Amino acid sequence: MKITDKVKNVTSTIISRFWGTLEQVNFDFTFDTGKSVNLTHEVYGKSDGIAILLYNPTTKKVILTKQFRMP
């Protein structure tokens, strides 16, 4: 399954335009198993680069990752 088939119902809301653009992006993602989940990410963009801070509110911890590409 191509990534374009896995991602549906993408919405984006601008939260801030201070130094760069901070957006809240929401989408439905379908795994290879067929299970679908609704995901929300905050995406910070500045010129050609962006950063995403993955945060687990249950454990109150930041999740560090090498690279995450928004579909």
C-alpha atoms as a PDB file:
ATOM      1  CA  MET A   1       0.000   0.000   0.000  1.00  0.00           C
ATOM      2  CA  LYS A   2       1.405   3.412  -0.985  1.00  0.00           C
ATOM      3  CA  ILE A   3       1.695   6.150   1.641  1.00  0.00           C
ATOM      4  CA  THR A   4      -0.900   8.205  -0.234  1.00  0.00           C
ATOM      5  CA  ASP A   5      -3.373   5.352   0.303  1.00  0.00           C
ATOM      6  CA  LYS A   6      -2.564   5.174   4.028  1.00  0.00           C
ATOM      7  CA  VAL A   7      -3.259   8.839   4.860  1.00  0.00           C
ATOM      8  CA  LYS A   8      -6.786  10.275   4.623  1.00  0.00           C
ATOM      9  CA  ASN A   9      -8.803  13.219   5.961  1.00  0.00           C
ATOM     10  CA  VAL A  10      -5.871  15.586   6.504  1.00  0.00           C
ATOM     11  CA  THR A  11      -6.715  18.854   8.261  1.00  0.00           C
ATOM     12  CA  SER A  12      -4.352  21.589   9.379  1.00  0.00           C
ATOM     13  CA  THR A  13      -4.873  24.475  11.800  1.00  0.00           C
ATOM     14  CA  ILE A  14      -2.334  27.273  12.225  1.00  0.00           C
ATOM     15  CA  ILE A  15      -1.580  27.779  15.918  1.00  0.00           C
ATOM     16  CA  SER A  16       1.090  30.491  15.642  1.00  0.00           C
ATOM     17  CA  ARG A  17       3.032  32.522  13.074  1.00  0.00           C
ATOM     18  CA  PHE A  18       5.597  34.041  15.410  1.00  0.00           C
ATOM     19  CA  TRP A  19       9.095  33.103  14.157  1.00  0.00           C
ATOM     20  CA  GLY A  20       7.926  30.305  11.893  1.00  0.00           C
ATOM     21  CA  THR A  21       4.598  28.560  11.427  1.00  0.00           C
ATOM     22  CA  LEU A  22       3.263  26.202  14.102  1.00  0.00           C
ATOM     23  CA  GLU A  23       0.447  23.990  12.826  1.00  0.00           C
ATOM     24  CA  GLN A  24      -1.685  21.273  14.332  1.00  0.00           C
ATOM     25  CA  VAL A  25      -2.121  18.547  11.693  1.00  0.00           C
ATOM     26  CA  ASN A  26      -4.763  15.843  12.090  1.00  0.00           C
ATOM     27  CA  PHE A  27      -5.164  12.802   9.824  1.00  0.00           C
ATOM     28  CA  ASP A  28      -6.368   9.204   9.677  1.00  0.00           C
ATOM     29  CA  PHE A  29      -3.549   6.686   9.173  1.00  0.00           C
ATOM     30  CA  THR A  30      -4.057   3.072   8.045  1.00  0.00           C
ATOM     31  CA  PHE A  31      -1.398   0.520   9.020  1.00  0.00           C
ATOM     32  CA  ASP A  32      -0.419  -2.429   6.804  1.00  0.00           C
ATOM     33  CA  THR A  33      -2.569  -4.617   9.082  1.00  0.00           C
ATOM     34  CA  GLY A  34      -5.642  -2.605   8.042  1.00  0.00           C
ATOM     35  CA  LYS A  35      -6.074  -0.942  11.441  1.00  0.00           C
ATOM     36  CA  SER A  36      -6.864   2.780  11.191  1.00  0.00           C
ATOM     37  CA  VAL A  37      -6.062   5.418  13.814  1.00  0.00           C
ATOM     38  CA  ASN A  38      -6.581   9.160  14.025  1.00  0.00           C
ATOM     39  CA  LEU A  39      -3.320  11.028  14.665  1.00  0.00           C
ATOM     40  CA  THR A  40      -2.564  14.626  15.620  1.00  0.00           C
ATOM     41  CA  HIS A  41       0.882  16.217  15.380  1.00  0.00           C
ATOM     42  CA  GLU A  42       2.126  19.740  16.001  1.00  0.00           C
ATOM     43  CA  VAL A  43       4.421  20.717  13.155  1.00  0.00           C
ATOM     44  CA  TYR A  44       6.797  23.670  13.314  1.00  0.00           C
ATOM     45  CA  GLY A  45       7.982  24.938   9.941  1.00  0.00           C
ATOM     46  CA  LYS A  46      10.606  27.532   9.073  1.00  0.00           C
ATOM     47  CA  SER A  47      11.693  27.909   5.441  1.00  0.00           C
ATOM     48  CA  ASP A  48      12.873  24.510   4.152  1.00  0.00           C
ATOM     49  CA  GLY A  49      13.151  22.841   7.572  1.00  0.00           C
ATOM     50  CA  ILE A  50      10.589  21.678  10.101  1.00  0.00           C
ATOM     51  CA  ALA A  51      10.663  20.147  13.571  1.00  0.00           C
ATOM     52  CA  ILE A  52       8.155  17.945  15.379  1.00  0.00           C
ATOM     53  CA  LEU A  53       8.202  17.394  19.132  1.00  0.00           C
ATOM     54  CA  LEU A  54       6.657  14.013  19.951  1.00  0.00           C
ATOM     55  CA  TYR A  55       5.189  14.134  23.457  1.00  0.00           C
ATOM     56  CA  ASN A  56       3.465  11.377  25.438  1.00  0.00           C
ATOM     57  CA  PRO A  57       0.967  13.112  27.765  1.00  0.00           C
ATOM     58  CA  THR A  58       0.360   9.909  29.750  1.00  0.00           C
ATOM     59  CA  THR A  59       3.998   9.506  30.811  1.00  0.00           C
ATOM     60  CA  LYS A  60       4.783  13.244  30.439  1.00  0.00           C
ATOM     61  CA  LYS A  61       7.880  12.407  28.386  1.00  0.00           C
ATOM     62  CA  VAL A  62       9.270  13.692  25.111  1.00  0.00           C
ATOM     63  CA  ILE A  63       9.884  10.972  22.539  1.00  0.00           C
ATOM     64  CA  LEU A  64      13.154  11.478  20.668  1.00  0.00           C
ATOM     65  CA  THR A  65      13.435  10.190  17.127  1.00  0.00           C
ATOM     66  CA  LYS A  66      16.015  10.448  14.373  1.00  0.00           C
ATOM     67  CA  GLN A  67      13.569  11.450  11.685  1.00  0.00           C
ATOM     68  CA  PHE A  68       9.832  11.668  11.237  1.00  0.00           C
ATOM     69  CA  ARG A  69       8.359  12.506   7.840  1.00  0.00           C
ATOM     70  CA  MET A  70       4.823  13.806   7.650  1.00  0.00           C
ATOM     71  CA  PRO A  71       2.884  11.824   5.050  1.00  0.00           C
END
